[in-house]
Amino acid sequence: MLIDPSRGESAHIPLQSRRGALGTLGAGALALLGTTGSASAFFSKKPKITIVTAASTVDLSGLPAEWVARQGRELKAYSDFLASLRLQRLTPRQVIEAHAKQRGSVWNALPPRAYWRQMVPTLRVIDRVAIQLGQPVKEIVSAYRAPAYNSRCPGAKSGSYHQANVAIDVQFPVATSTVAQTARTLRSSGLFRGGVGRYSTFTHIDTRGQNVDW
């Protein structure tokens, strides 16, 4: 278990270097059938990108095309993995799009496969918080952060638990104080051991194995 006694959301944990892209994810063949519009009008439409997983269809429309291409085959594999968890209030799309971000010229990435299961306890905590609140998850602001991307995030520490894939910054349509208190109550009941941090616009929750508040 990746555990560090330091406070806050940082830990000094050796991290694996992430995998390179494994290929380019195709958006599907385009067909122009019986249209009376111009060719330029047809091709100006953005194709809808979907991934059919074992448990569901994950709609990836609107995600940056370059980021999608960089993830290659790992994107479908990660979608399958998330769908297999069968979370009640948190969707694979919400988790995936938290990774599809860029800081300057540096893109974030999906976590390395060796880290996938490390996020499961935290995902289940977020799901349970949503159920307890009776509110939908508004947005996963941040989940895994690749080291190069993390170094570009304002205020992020070099040993952030986001790099270990055990931390999530989440927004709900209620006050962050309510979210933090709900998470701490669930933690006191024995649901998990980890950090709960309250910020002005989001709540940080991690399952580092040691209880910490800020």
N, C-alpha and C. Protein backbone atom coordinates (compact mmCIF):
# COMPACT_ATOMS: atom_id res chain seq x y z
N MET A 1 0.86 -1.19 0.00
CA MET A 1 0.00 0.00 0.00
C MET A 1 0.89 1.24 0.00
N LEU A 2 0.53 2.24 -0.75
CA LEU A 2 1.30 3.44 -0.82
C LEU A 2 0.85 4.37 0.30
N ILE A 3 1.67 4.49 1.34
CA ILE A 3 1.30 5.28 2.51
C ILE A 3 2.44 6.20 2.87
N ASP A 4 2.13 7.43 3.22
CA ASP A 4 3.13 8.37 3.65
C ASP A 4 2.55 9.18 4.78
N PRO A 5 3.28 9.40 5.84
CA PRO A 5 2.74 10.09 7.00
C PRO A 5 2.60 11.59 6.83
N SER A 6 3.09 12.16 5.74
CA SER A 6 3.05 13.61 5.59
C SER A 6 1.61 14.10 5.45
N ARG A 7 1.37 15.34 5.86
CA ARG A 7 0.04 15.91 5.80
C ARG A 7 -0.24 16.46 4.42
N GLY A 8 -1.49 16.89 4.22
CA GLY A 8 -1.85 17.44 2.94
C GLY A 8 -1.97 16.36 1.89
N GLU A 9 -1.94 16.77 0.60
CA GLU A 9 -2.15 15.80 -0.46
C GLU A 9 -0.85 15.36 -1.09
N SER A 10 0.28 15.50 -0.40
CA SER A 10 1.52 15.10 -1.01
C SER A 10 2.10 13.88 -0.34
N ALA A 11 2.85 13.08 -1.12
CA ALA A 11 3.54 11.92 -0.61
C ALA A 11 4.77 11.72 -1.45
N HIS A 12 5.84 11.16 -0.85
CA HIS A 12 7.05 10.90 -1.60
C HIS A 12 7.04 9.43 -1.97
N ILE A 13 6.49 9.15 -3.13
CA ILE A 13 6.27 7.78 -3.59
C ILE A 13 6.95 7.60 -4.92
N PRO A 14 7.82 6.58 -5.09
CA PRO A 14 8.40 6.36 -6.41
C PRO A 14 7.32 5.98 -7.40
N LEU A 15 7.31 6.63 -8.54
CA LEU A 15 6.27 6.42 -9.53
C LEU A 15 6.83 5.79 -10.78
N GLN A 16 6.04 4.89 -11.40
CA GLN A 16 6.44 4.30 -12.66
C GLN A 16 6.32 5.34 -13.75
N SER A 17 7.16 5.28 -14.71
CA SER A 17 7.00 6.16 -15.87
C SER A 17 5.84 5.63 -16.69
N ARG A 18 5.00 6.55 -17.15
CA ARG A 18 3.80 6.12 -17.85
C ARG A 18 4.15 5.54 -19.21
N ARG A 19 3.22 4.73 -19.75
CA ARG A 19 3.42 4.13 -21.05
C ARG A 19 3.29 5.17 -22.15
N GLY A 20 3.93 4.91 -23.25
CA GLY A 20 3.74 5.76 -24.41
C GLY A 20 2.43 5.41 -25.09
N ALA A 21 2.07 6.20 -26.05
CA ALA A 21 0.84 5.92 -26.78
C ALA A 21 0.98 4.62 -27.53
N LEU A 22 -0.10 3.81 -27.56
CA LEU A 22 -0.06 2.51 -28.21
C LEU A 22 -0.68 2.52 -29.60
N GLY A 23 -1.07 3.69 -30.05
CA GLY A 23 -1.68 3.75 -31.37
C GLY A 23 -2.68 4.87 -31.43
N THR A 24 -3.36 4.99 -32.51
CA THR A 24 -4.35 6.04 -32.68
C THR A 24 -5.74 5.45 -32.69
N LEU A 25 -6.63 6.03 -31.87
CA LEU A 25 -8.00 5.55 -31.79
C LEU A 25 -8.79 6.10 -32.96
N GLY A 26 -9.32 5.24 -33.81
CA GLY A 26 -10.10 5.70 -34.96
C GLY A 26 -11.48 6.16 -34.54
N ALA A 27 -12.02 7.12 -35.23
CA ALA A 27 -13.36 7.62 -34.93
C ALA A 27 -14.41 6.93 -35.76
N GLY A 28 -14.02 5.96 -36.61
CA GLY A 28 -14.99 5.24 -37.44
C GLY A 28 -14.97 5.80 -38.84
N ALA A 29 -15.39 5.00 -39.81
CA ALA A 29 -15.40 5.43 -41.20
C ALA A 29 -16.52 6.40 -41.43
N LEU A 30 -16.28 7.39 -42.32
CA LEU A 30 -17.31 8.36 -42.68
C LEU A 30 -17.94 7.96 -43.99
N ALA A 31 -19.28 8.10 -44.09
CA ALA A 31 -19.96 7.76 -45.34
C ALA A 31 -20.87 8.90 -45.72
N LEU A 32 -20.84 9.27 -46.98
CA LEU A 32 -21.67 10.35 -47.47
C LEU A 32 -22.74 9.75 -48.36
N LEU A 33 -23.95 9.63 -47.83
CA LEU A 33 -25.00 8.88 -48.51
C LEU A 33 -26.16 9.80 -48.86
N GLY A 34 -26.37 10.04 -50.17
CA GLY A 34 -27.55 10.75 -50.62
C GLY A 34 -27.70 12.13 -50.07
N THR A 35 -26.61 12.81 -49.70
CA THR A 35 -26.76 14.14 -49.14
C THR A 35 -26.87 15.18 -50.24
N THR A 36 -27.63 16.23 -50.00
CA THR A 36 -27.77 17.31 -50.96
C THR A 36 -26.94 18.51 -50.56
N GLY A 37 -26.30 18.45 -49.36
CA GLY A 37 -25.47 19.55 -48.89
C GLY A 37 -24.10 19.50 -49.54
N SER A 38 -23.33 20.54 -49.32
CA SER A 38 -21.99 20.59 -49.89
C SER A 38 -21.05 19.68 -49.11
N ALA A 39 -19.95 19.29 -49.77
CA ALA A 39 -18.97 18.43 -49.11
C ALA A 39 -18.34 19.16 -47.94
N SER A 40 -18.07 20.46 -48.09
CA SER A 40 -17.43 21.20 -46.99
C SER A 40 -18.34 21.27 -45.78
N ALA A 41 -19.64 21.39 -46.01
CA ALA A 41 -20.58 21.43 -44.88
C ALA A 41 -20.60 20.10 -44.17
N PHE A 42 -20.52 19.01 -44.95
CA PHE A 42 -20.55 17.67 -44.35
C PHE A 42 -19.32 17.45 -43.48
N PHE A 43 -18.15 17.76 -44.01
CA PHE A 43 -16.92 17.47 -43.29
C PHE A 43 -16.64 18.45 -42.17
N SER A 44 -17.41 19.53 -42.09
CA SER A 44 -17.24 20.46 -40.98
C SER A 44 -17.87 19.94 -39.71
N LYS A 45 -18.72 18.91 -39.84
CA LYS A 45 -19.36 18.31 -38.66
C LYS A 45 -18.36 17.42 -37.93
N LYS A 46 -18.32 17.54 -36.61
CA LYS A 46 -17.41 16.72 -35.82
C LYS A 46 -18.01 15.32 -35.65
N PRO A 47 -17.23 14.28 -35.97
CA PRO A 47 -17.75 12.93 -35.80
C PRO A 47 -17.94 12.60 -34.32
N LYS A 48 -18.93 11.81 -34.02
CA LYS A 48 -19.16 11.38 -32.65
C LYS A 48 -18.31 10.17 -32.35
N ILE A 49 -17.48 10.27 -31.32
CA ILE A 49 -16.57 9.20 -30.96
C ILE A 49 -17.16 8.43 -29.78
N THR A 50 -17.33 7.15 -29.94
CA THR A 50 -17.83 6.33 -28.84
C THR A 50 -16.95 5.10 -28.69
N ILE A 51 -16.91 4.58 -27.48
CA ILE A 51 -16.22 3.33 -27.21
C ILE A 51 -17.25 2.39 -26.61
N VAL A 52 -17.43 1.24 -27.23
CA VAL A 52 -18.36 0.24 -26.71
C VAL A 52 -17.57 -0.68 -25.79
N THR A 53 -17.93 -0.68 -24.51
CA THR A 53 -17.25 -1.51 -23.53
C THR A 53 -18.09 -2.74 -23.25
N ALA A 54 -17.54 -3.61 -22.42
CA ALA A 54 -18.25 -4.84 -22.06
C ALA A 54 -19.54 -4.53 -21.32
N ALA A 55 -19.59 -3.39 -20.63
CA ALA A 55 -20.75 -3.09 -19.80
C ALA A 55 -21.59 -1.92 -20.31
N SER A 56 -21.01 -1.07 -21.18
CA SER A 56 -21.75 0.11 -21.61
C SER A 56 -21.06 0.74 -22.81
N THR A 57 -21.68 1.80 -23.31
CA THR A 57 -21.08 2.58 -24.37
C THR A 57 -20.62 3.90 -23.77
N VAL A 58 -19.34 4.21 -23.90
CA VAL A 58 -18.79 5.43 -23.34
C VAL A 58 -18.70 6.47 -24.45
N ASP A 59 -19.43 7.57 -24.30
CA ASP A 59 -19.43 8.64 -25.28
C ASP A 59 -18.25 9.56 -25.01
N LEU A 60 -17.35 9.66 -25.97
CA LEU A 60 -16.16 10.49 -25.81
C LEU A 60 -16.23 11.75 -26.66
N SER A 61 -17.42 12.08 -27.17
CA SER A 61 -17.57 13.28 -27.97
C SER A 61 -17.13 14.51 -27.18
N GLY A 62 -16.42 15.39 -27.85
CA GLY A 62 -16.00 16.62 -27.20
C GLY A 62 -14.64 16.56 -26.54
N LEU A 63 -14.08 15.36 -26.37
CA LEU A 63 -12.74 15.26 -25.82
C LEU A 63 -11.73 15.68 -26.87
N PRO A 64 -10.61 16.27 -26.47
CA PRO A 64 -9.62 16.72 -27.44
C PRO A 64 -9.13 15.56 -28.31
N ALA A 65 -9.21 15.73 -29.63
CA ALA A 65 -8.83 14.66 -30.55
C ALA A 65 -7.38 14.25 -30.38
N GLU A 66 -6.51 15.21 -30.13
CA GLU A 66 -5.09 14.88 -29.96
C GLU A 66 -4.88 14.02 -28.72
N TRP A 67 -5.58 14.36 -27.64
CA TRP A 67 -5.45 13.57 -26.42
C TRP A 67 -5.96 12.15 -26.64
N VAL A 68 -7.12 12.02 -27.30
CA VAL A 68 -7.69 10.71 -27.58
C VAL A 68 -6.70 9.87 -28.37
N ALA A 69 -6.08 10.47 -29.40
CA ALA A 69 -5.12 9.76 -30.23
C ALA A 69 -3.90 9.32 -29.42
N ARG A 70 -3.46 10.16 -28.49
CA ARG A 70 -2.29 9.84 -27.68
C ARG A 70 -2.52 8.62 -26.78
N GLN A 71 -3.76 8.40 -26.35
CA GLN A 71 -4.04 7.29 -25.44
C GLN A 71 -4.08 5.94 -26.17
N GLY A 72 -4.38 5.96 -27.45
CA GLY A 72 -4.40 4.73 -28.23
C GLY A 72 -5.36 3.70 -27.67
N ARG A 73 -4.94 2.44 -27.71
CA ARG A 73 -5.79 1.33 -27.29
C ARG A 73 -6.06 1.33 -25.78
N GLU A 74 -5.23 2.03 -25.04
CA GLU A 74 -5.44 2.07 -23.59
C GLU A 74 -6.77 2.72 -23.24
N LEU A 75 -7.27 3.59 -24.09
CA LEU A 75 -8.51 4.29 -23.78
C LEU A 75 -9.69 3.32 -23.70
N LYS A 76 -9.79 2.40 -24.63
CA LYS A 76 -10.86 1.40 -24.57
C LYS A 76 -10.66 0.47 -23.38
N ALA A 77 -9.42 0.06 -23.15
CA ALA A 77 -9.14 -0.84 -22.03
C ALA A 77 -9.51 -0.18 -20.70
N TYR A 78 -9.18 1.10 -20.56
CA TYR A 78 -9.50 1.80 -19.32
C TYR A 78 -11.01 2.01 -19.19
N SER A 79 -11.68 2.27 -20.31
CA SER A 79 -13.13 2.40 -20.29
C SER A 79 -13.78 1.10 -19.83
N ASP A 80 -13.29 -0.02 -20.36
CA ASP A 80 -13.79 -1.33 -19.94
C ASP A 80 -13.60 -1.54 -18.44
N PHE A 81 -12.42 -1.18 -17.97
CA PHE A 81 -12.11 -1.35 -16.55
C PHE A 81 -13.06 -0.53 -15.68
N LEU A 82 -13.25 0.73 -16.02
CA LEU A 82 -14.13 1.58 -15.23
C LEU A 82 -15.57 1.09 -15.26
N ALA A 83 -16.03 0.67 -16.45
CA ALA A 83 -17.40 0.17 -16.57
C ALA A 83 -17.61 -1.08 -15.73
N SER A 84 -16.58 -1.90 -15.60
CA SER A 84 -16.69 -3.15 -14.84
C SER A 84 -16.90 -2.91 -13.35
N LEU A 85 -16.58 -1.70 -12.88
CA LEU A 85 -16.76 -1.38 -11.46
C LEU A 85 -18.23 -1.15 -11.11
N ARG A 86 -19.04 -0.85 -12.11
CA ARG A 86 -20.49 -0.65 -11.94
C ARG A 86 -20.81 0.33 -10.81
N LEU A 87 -20.18 1.49 -10.87
CA LEU A 87 -20.46 2.54 -9.90
C LEU A 87 -21.87 3.09 -10.16
N GLN A 88 -22.53 3.52 -9.10
CA GLN A 88 -23.92 3.94 -9.22
C GLN A 88 -24.09 5.40 -9.64
N ARG A 89 -23.23 6.28 -9.14
CA ARG A 89 -23.41 7.72 -9.37
C ARG A 89 -22.26 8.36 -10.14
N LEU A 90 -21.26 7.59 -10.45
CA LEU A 90 -20.07 8.12 -11.12
C LEU A 90 -19.87 7.36 -12.42
N THR A 91 -19.77 8.08 -13.53
CA THR A 91 -19.69 7.43 -14.83
C THR A 91 -18.25 7.31 -15.32
N PRO A 92 -17.96 6.32 -16.18
CA PRO A 92 -16.62 6.22 -16.79
C PRO A 92 -16.24 7.50 -17.52
N ARG A 93 -17.19 8.11 -18.19
CA ARG A 93 -16.91 9.36 -18.92
C ARG A 93 -16.39 10.44 -17.98
N GLN A 94 -17.00 10.59 -16.81
CA GLN A 94 -16.57 11.62 -15.87
C GLN A 94 -15.13 11.38 -15.41
N VAL A 95 -14.77 10.13 -15.20
CA VAL A 95 -13.41 9.81 -14.77
C VAL A 95 -12.43 10.06 -15.90
N ILE A 96 -12.78 9.61 -17.10
CA ILE A 96 -11.87 9.72 -18.24
C ILE A 96 -11.61 11.18 -18.60
N GLU A 97 -12.65 12.00 -18.64
CA GLU A 97 -12.44 13.37 -19.08
C GLU A 97 -11.62 14.19 -18.09
N ALA A 98 -11.49 13.74 -16.85
CA ALA A 98 -10.63 14.43 -15.89
C ALA A 98 -9.17 14.34 -16.30
N HIS A 99 -8.84 13.35 -17.15
CA HIS A 99 -7.45 13.17 -17.60
C HIS A 99 -7.16 13.90 -18.91
N ALA A 100 -8.21 14.29 -19.62
CA ALA A 100 -8.05 14.87 -20.96
C ALA A 100 -7.79 16.36 -20.89
N LYS A 101 -6.68 16.72 -20.26
CA LYS A 101 -6.37 18.13 -20.03
C LYS A 101 -4.93 18.43 -20.42
N GLN A 102 -4.68 19.70 -20.68
CA GLN A 102 -3.37 20.14 -21.14
C GLN A 102 -2.95 21.39 -20.39
N ARG A 103 -1.70 21.46 -20.01
CA ARG A 103 -1.11 22.65 -19.40
C ARG A 103 0.05 23.08 -20.28
N GLY A 104 -0.10 24.20 -20.96
CA GLY A 104 0.92 24.60 -21.91
C GLY A 104 1.02 23.57 -23.02
N SER A 105 2.21 23.04 -23.22
CA SER A 105 2.41 22.02 -24.25
C SER A 105 2.34 20.60 -23.70
N VAL A 106 2.05 20.48 -22.41
CA VAL A 106 2.09 19.17 -21.74
C VAL A 106 0.68 18.62 -21.54
N TRP A 107 0.44 17.44 -22.10
CA TRP A 107 -0.84 16.76 -21.92
C TRP A 107 -0.79 15.85 -20.70
N ASN A 108 -1.90 15.74 -20.01
CA ASN A 108 -2.04 14.70 -18.99
C ASN A 108 -2.30 13.38 -19.72
N ALA A 109 -2.34 12.28 -18.98
CA ALA A 109 -2.54 10.97 -19.60
C ALA A 109 -3.34 10.08 -18.67
N LEU A 110 -3.83 8.98 -19.21
CA LEU A 110 -4.43 7.96 -18.37
C LEU A 110 -3.35 7.37 -17.47
N PRO A 111 -3.75 6.83 -16.31
CA PRO A 111 -2.73 6.22 -15.44
C PRO A 111 -2.14 4.96 -16.06
N PRO A 112 -0.91 4.61 -15.70
CA PRO A 112 -0.34 3.34 -16.13
C PRO A 112 -1.21 2.19 -15.62
N ARG A 113 -1.26 1.09 -16.35
CA ARG A 113 -2.11 -0.04 -15.96
C ARG A 113 -1.82 -0.53 -14.55
N ALA A 114 -0.56 -0.50 -14.16
CA ALA A 114 -0.19 -0.97 -12.82
C ALA A 114 -0.84 -0.14 -11.73
N TYR A 115 -1.34 1.05 -12.07
CA TYR A 115 -1.96 1.94 -11.09
C TYR A 115 -3.49 1.90 -11.13
N TRP A 116 -4.07 1.21 -12.07
CA TRP A 116 -5.52 1.29 -12.23
C TRP A 116 -6.28 0.91 -10.97
N ARG A 117 -5.94 -0.20 -10.37
CA ARG A 117 -6.70 -0.68 -9.21
C ARG A 117 -6.48 0.18 -7.97
N GLN A 118 -5.42 0.96 -7.96
CA GLN A 118 -5.17 1.82 -6.81
C GLN A 118 -6.25 2.90 -6.66
N MET A 119 -6.92 3.24 -7.75
CA MET A 119 -7.95 4.26 -7.69
C MET A 119 -9.32 3.71 -7.29
N VAL A 120 -9.50 2.41 -7.35
CA VAL A 120 -10.82 1.82 -7.10
C VAL A 120 -11.39 2.22 -5.74
N PRO A 121 -10.64 2.11 -4.63
CA PRO A 121 -11.23 2.51 -3.35
C PRO A 121 -11.70 3.96 -3.34
N THR A 122 -10.93 4.86 -3.95
CA THR A 122 -11.32 6.26 -3.97
C THR A 122 -12.56 6.48 -4.82
N LEU A 123 -12.65 5.80 -5.95
CA LEU A 123 -13.85 5.90 -6.79
C LEU A 123 -15.08 5.44 -6.03
N ARG A 124 -14.94 4.37 -5.26
CA ARG A 124 -16.07 3.86 -4.49
C ARG A 124 -16.45 4.83 -3.36
N VAL A 125 -15.48 5.51 -2.79
CA VAL A 125 -15.78 6.51 -1.77
C VAL A 125 -16.56 7.67 -2.38
N ILE A 126 -16.12 8.16 -3.54
CA ILE A 126 -16.82 9.25 -4.21
C ILE A 126 -18.26 8.83 -4.53
N ASP A 127 -18.42 7.61 -5.01
CA ASP A 127 -19.75 7.08 -5.32
C ASP A 127 -20.63 7.06 -4.08
N ARG A 128 -20.06 6.64 -2.97
CA ARG A 128 -20.81 6.57 -1.71
C ARG A 128 -21.16 7.96 -1.19
N VAL A 129 -20.24 8.91 -1.34
CA VAL A 129 -20.52 10.29 -0.93
C VAL A 129 -21.71 10.83 -1.72
N ALA A 130 -21.73 10.55 -3.03
CA ALA A 130 -22.84 11.00 -3.88
C ALA A 130 -24.16 10.42 -3.41
N ILE A 131 -24.15 9.14 -3.07
CA ILE A 131 -25.36 8.48 -2.58
C ILE A 131 -25.81 9.10 -1.25
N GLN A 132 -24.85 9.33 -0.38
CA GLN A 132 -25.15 9.89 0.93
C GLN A 132 -25.72 11.31 0.80
N LEU A 133 -25.16 12.08 -0.13
CA LEU A 133 -25.63 13.45 -0.34
C LEU A 133 -26.96 13.48 -1.08
N GLY A 134 -27.24 12.42 -1.84
CA GLY A 134 -28.41 12.43 -2.70
C GLY A 134 -28.24 13.40 -3.85
N GLN A 135 -26.98 13.56 -4.29
CA GLN A 135 -26.66 14.52 -5.34
C GLN A 135 -25.79 13.85 -6.40
N PRO A 136 -25.89 14.30 -7.65
CA PRO A 136 -25.01 13.76 -8.69
C PRO A 136 -23.60 14.33 -8.55
N VAL A 137 -22.64 13.61 -9.09
CA VAL A 137 -21.29 14.15 -9.18
C VAL A 137 -21.31 15.20 -10.28
N LYS A 138 -20.95 16.42 -9.95
CA LYS A 138 -20.95 17.49 -10.94
C LYS A 138 -19.75 17.36 -11.88
N GLU A 139 -18.57 17.15 -11.29
CA GLU A 139 -17.36 17.03 -12.12
C GLU A 139 -16.22 16.42 -11.31
N ILE A 140 -15.45 15.56 -11.97
CA ILE A 140 -14.18 15.13 -11.43
C ILE A 140 -13.16 16.12 -11.96
N VAL A 141 -12.67 16.98 -11.11
CA VAL A 141 -11.75 18.04 -11.52
C VAL A 141 -10.38 17.47 -11.83
N SER A 142 -9.95 16.53 -11.01
CA SER A 142 -8.62 15.95 -11.18
C SER A 142 -8.60 14.55 -10.59
N ALA A 143 -7.95 13.64 -11.30
CA ALA A 143 -7.77 12.27 -10.80
C ALA A 143 -6.27 11.97 -10.90
N TYR A 144 -5.88 11.00 -11.74
CA TYR A 144 -4.45 10.76 -11.94
C TYR A 144 -3.82 11.96 -12.65
N ARG A 145 -2.61 12.32 -12.20
CA ARG A 145 -1.85 13.35 -12.90
C ARG A 145 -0.45 12.81 -13.19
N ALA A 146 -0.12 12.74 -14.47
CA ALA A 146 1.22 12.31 -14.86
C ALA A 146 2.23 13.30 -14.29
N PRO A 147 3.43 12.83 -13.91
CA PRO A 147 4.41 13.72 -13.28
C PRO A 147 4.70 15.01 -14.05
N ALA A 148 4.87 14.91 -15.37
CA ALA A 148 5.17 16.12 -16.15
C ALA A 148 4.00 17.10 -16.12
N TYR A 149 2.78 16.56 -16.18
CA TYR A 149 1.59 17.41 -16.12
C TYR A 149 1.43 17.99 -14.71
N ASN A 150 1.63 17.17 -13.70
CA ASN A 150 1.50 17.61 -12.31
C ASN A 150 2.41 18.80 -12.02
N SER A 151 3.61 18.77 -12.60
CA SER A 151 4.57 19.84 -12.36
C SER A 151 4.11 21.18 -12.94
N ARG A 152 3.13 21.14 -13.85
CA ARG A 152 2.60 22.36 -14.45
C ARG A 152 1.36 22.88 -13.73
N CYS A 153 0.82 22.10 -12.80
CA CYS A 153 -0.42 22.49 -12.11
C CYS A 153 -0.11 23.44 -10.96
N PRO A 154 -0.70 24.63 -10.94
CA PRO A 154 -0.44 25.59 -9.86
C PRO A 154 -0.76 25.00 -8.49
N GLY A 155 0.17 25.11 -7.58
CA GLY A 155 -0.04 24.63 -6.22
C GLY A 155 0.17 23.15 -6.00
N ALA A 156 0.36 22.38 -7.08
CA ALA A 156 0.55 20.93 -6.94
C ALA A 156 1.93 20.64 -6.37
N LYS A 157 2.00 19.68 -5.46
CA LYS A 157 3.27 19.30 -4.86
C LYS A 157 3.91 18.16 -5.65
N SER A 158 5.23 18.08 -5.58
CA SER A 158 5.95 17.08 -6.36
C SER A 158 5.60 15.66 -5.94
N GLY A 159 5.15 15.48 -4.70
CA GLY A 159 4.78 14.15 -4.22
C GLY A 159 3.28 13.96 -4.09
N SER A 160 2.51 14.67 -4.91
CA SER A 160 1.05 14.62 -4.82
C SER A 160 0.53 13.19 -4.94
N TYR A 161 -0.49 12.89 -4.15
CA TYR A 161 -1.13 11.58 -4.23
C TYR A 161 -1.87 11.38 -5.55
N HIS A 162 -2.11 12.44 -6.28
CA HIS A 162 -2.69 12.29 -7.61
C HIS A 162 -1.75 11.50 -8.52
N GLN A 163 -0.46 11.63 -8.33
CA GLN A 163 0.50 10.90 -9.14
C GLN A 163 0.52 9.41 -8.82
N ALA A 164 0.05 9.06 -7.64
CA ALA A 164 -0.04 7.65 -7.23
C ALA A 164 -1.39 7.05 -7.59
N ASN A 165 -2.28 7.86 -8.19
CA ASN A 165 -3.62 7.43 -8.60
C ASN A 165 -4.46 6.93 -7.43
N VAL A 166 -4.42 7.66 -6.33
CA VAL A 166 -5.29 7.35 -5.19
C VAL A 166 -6.09 8.57 -4.75
N ALA A 167 -6.01 9.68 -5.51
CA ALA A 167 -6.66 10.93 -5.09
C ALA A 167 -7.58 11.47 -6.18
N ILE A 168 -8.66 12.08 -5.73
CA ILE A 168 -9.62 12.71 -6.64
C ILE A 168 -10.02 14.07 -6.07
N ASP A 169 -10.07 15.07 -6.94
CA ASP A 169 -10.67 16.36 -6.61
C ASP A 169 -12.05 16.36 -7.27
N VAL A 170 -13.09 16.56 -6.48
CA VAL A 170 -14.45 16.37 -6.98
C VAL A 170 -15.33 17.56 -6.64
N GLN A 171 -16.28 17.84 -7.53
CA GLN A 171 -17.29 18.87 -7.29
C GLN A 171 -18.68 18.24 -7.24
N PHE A 172 -19.48 18.70 -6.29
CA PHE A 172 -20.89 18.36 -6.20
C PHE A 172 -21.68 19.67 -6.21
N PRO A 173 -22.94 19.63 -6.56
CA PRO A 173 -23.74 20.86 -6.57
C PRO A 173 -24.20 21.27 -5.17
N VAL A 174 -23.32 21.16 -4.20
CA VAL A 174 -23.57 21.60 -2.83
C VAL A 174 -22.28 22.22 -2.30
N ALA A 175 -22.34 22.84 -1.16
CA ALA A 175 -21.17 23.49 -0.57
C ALA A 175 -20.06 22.48 -0.30
N THR A 176 -18.82 22.90 -0.51
CA THR A 176 -17.69 22.00 -0.26
C THR A 176 -17.60 21.61 1.21
N SER A 177 -18.07 22.45 2.09
CA SER A 177 -18.07 22.10 3.52
C SER A 177 -18.98 20.90 3.77
N THR A 178 -20.09 20.83 3.05
CA THR A 178 -21.02 19.70 3.19
C THR A 178 -20.40 18.43 2.66
N VAL A 179 -19.72 18.53 1.52
CA VAL A 179 -19.06 17.37 0.92
C VAL A 179 -17.97 16.84 1.84
N ALA A 180 -17.14 17.75 2.35
CA ALA A 180 -16.04 17.35 3.22
C ALA A 180 -16.57 16.69 4.50
N GLN A 181 -17.61 17.27 5.10
CA GLN A 181 -18.17 16.69 6.32
C GLN A 181 -18.77 15.32 6.06
N THR A 182 -19.42 15.16 4.92
CA THR A 182 -20.00 13.86 4.58
C THR A 182 -18.91 12.81 4.41
N ALA A 183 -17.83 13.19 3.72
CA ALA A 183 -16.71 12.26 3.52
C ALA A 183 -16.07 11.88 4.86
N ARG A 184 -15.92 12.84 5.74
CA ARG A 184 -15.31 12.56 7.05
C ARG A 184 -16.20 11.69 7.91
N THR A 185 -17.51 11.88 7.81
CA THR A 185 -18.44 11.04 8.55
C THR A 185 -18.36 9.60 8.06
N LEU A 186 -18.30 9.41 6.75
CA LEU A 186 -18.18 8.07 6.18
C LEU A 186 -16.85 7.45 6.57
N ARG A 187 -15.82 8.26 6.62
CA ARG A 187 -14.51 7.76 7.03
C ARG A 187 -14.54 7.32 8.49
N SER A 188 -15.22 8.09 9.34
CA SER A 188 -15.33 7.73 10.76
C SER A 188 -16.09 6.43 10.96
N SER A 189 -16.97 6.12 10.01
CA SER A 189 -17.74 4.87 10.11
C SER A 189 -16.92 3.67 9.67
N GLY A 190 -15.70 3.92 9.17
CA GLY A 190 -14.84 2.83 8.77
C GLY A 190 -14.84 2.53 7.28
N LEU A 191 -15.47 3.39 6.47
CA LEU A 191 -15.54 3.14 5.04
C LEU A 191 -14.17 3.17 4.37
N PHE A 192 -13.32 4.09 4.83
CA PHE A 192 -11.98 4.19 4.24
C PHE A 192 -11.04 4.90 5.20
N ARG A 193 -9.76 4.86 4.89
CA ARG A 193 -8.75 5.63 5.61
C ARG A 193 -8.02 6.48 4.58
N GLY A 194 -8.00 7.78 4.81
CA GLY A 194 -7.36 8.64 3.83
C GLY A 194 -7.52 10.10 4.14
N GLY A 195 -7.21 10.93 3.16
CA GLY A 195 -7.24 12.37 3.33
C GLY A 195 -8.51 13.00 2.80
N VAL A 196 -8.97 14.04 3.49
CA VAL A 196 -10.11 14.83 3.04
C VAL A 196 -9.70 16.29 3.16
N GLY A 197 -9.65 16.96 2.03
CA GLY A 197 -9.27 18.37 2.01
C GLY A 197 -10.35 19.23 1.40
N ARG A 198 -10.68 20.31 2.07
CA ARG A 198 -11.73 21.21 1.58
C ARG A 198 -11.09 22.43 0.92
N TYR A 199 -11.50 22.68 -0.31
CA TYR A 199 -11.06 23.86 -1.03
C TYR A 199 -12.29 24.70 -1.38
N SER A 200 -12.08 25.86 -1.94
CA SER A 200 -13.21 26.77 -2.20
C SER A 200 -14.17 26.23 -3.25
N THR A 201 -13.64 25.51 -4.26
CA THR A 201 -14.51 25.06 -5.36
C THR A 201 -14.59 23.55 -5.51
N PHE A 202 -13.80 22.80 -4.76
CA PHE A 202 -13.83 21.35 -4.87
C PHE A 202 -13.38 20.72 -3.56
N THR A 203 -13.56 19.40 -3.47
CA THR A 203 -13.14 18.65 -2.29
C THR A 203 -12.15 17.57 -2.72
N HIS A 204 -11.04 17.50 -2.02
CA HIS A 204 -10.04 16.46 -2.29
C HIS A 204 -10.32 15.26 -1.39
N ILE A 205 -10.36 14.08 -2.00
CA ILE A 205 -10.54 12.83 -1.24
C ILE A 205 -9.53 11.82 -1.74
N ASP A 206 -8.80 11.20 -0.81
CA ASP A 206 -7.87 10.14 -1.22
C ASP A 206 -7.94 8.98 -0.24
N THR A 207 -7.38 7.85 -0.64
CA THR A 207 -7.40 6.64 0.19
C THR A 207 -5.96 6.19 0.44
N ARG A 208 -5.17 7.08 0.99
CA ARG A 208 -3.75 6.82 1.22
C ARG A 208 -3.51 5.79 2.32
N GLY A 209 -4.50 5.56 3.17
CA GLY A 209 -4.32 4.59 4.25
C GLY A 209 -4.12 5.22 5.61
N GLN A 210 -4.07 6.54 5.65
CA GLN A 210 -3.89 7.27 6.90
C GLN A 210 -4.82 8.49 6.89
N ASN A 211 -5.53 8.73 7.98
CA ASN A 211 -6.49 9.83 8.03
C ASN A 211 -5.80 11.18 8.22
N VAL A 212 -6.10 12.09 7.31
CA VAL A 212 -5.53 13.44 7.34
C VAL A 212 -6.61 14.42 6.90
N ASP A 213 -6.68 15.58 7.55
CA ASP A 213 -7.64 16.62 7.18
C ASP A 213 -6.91 17.93 6.93
N TRP A 214 -7.45 18.70 6.01
CA TRP A 214 -6.98 20.08 5.82
C TRP A 214 -8.07 20.91 5.17
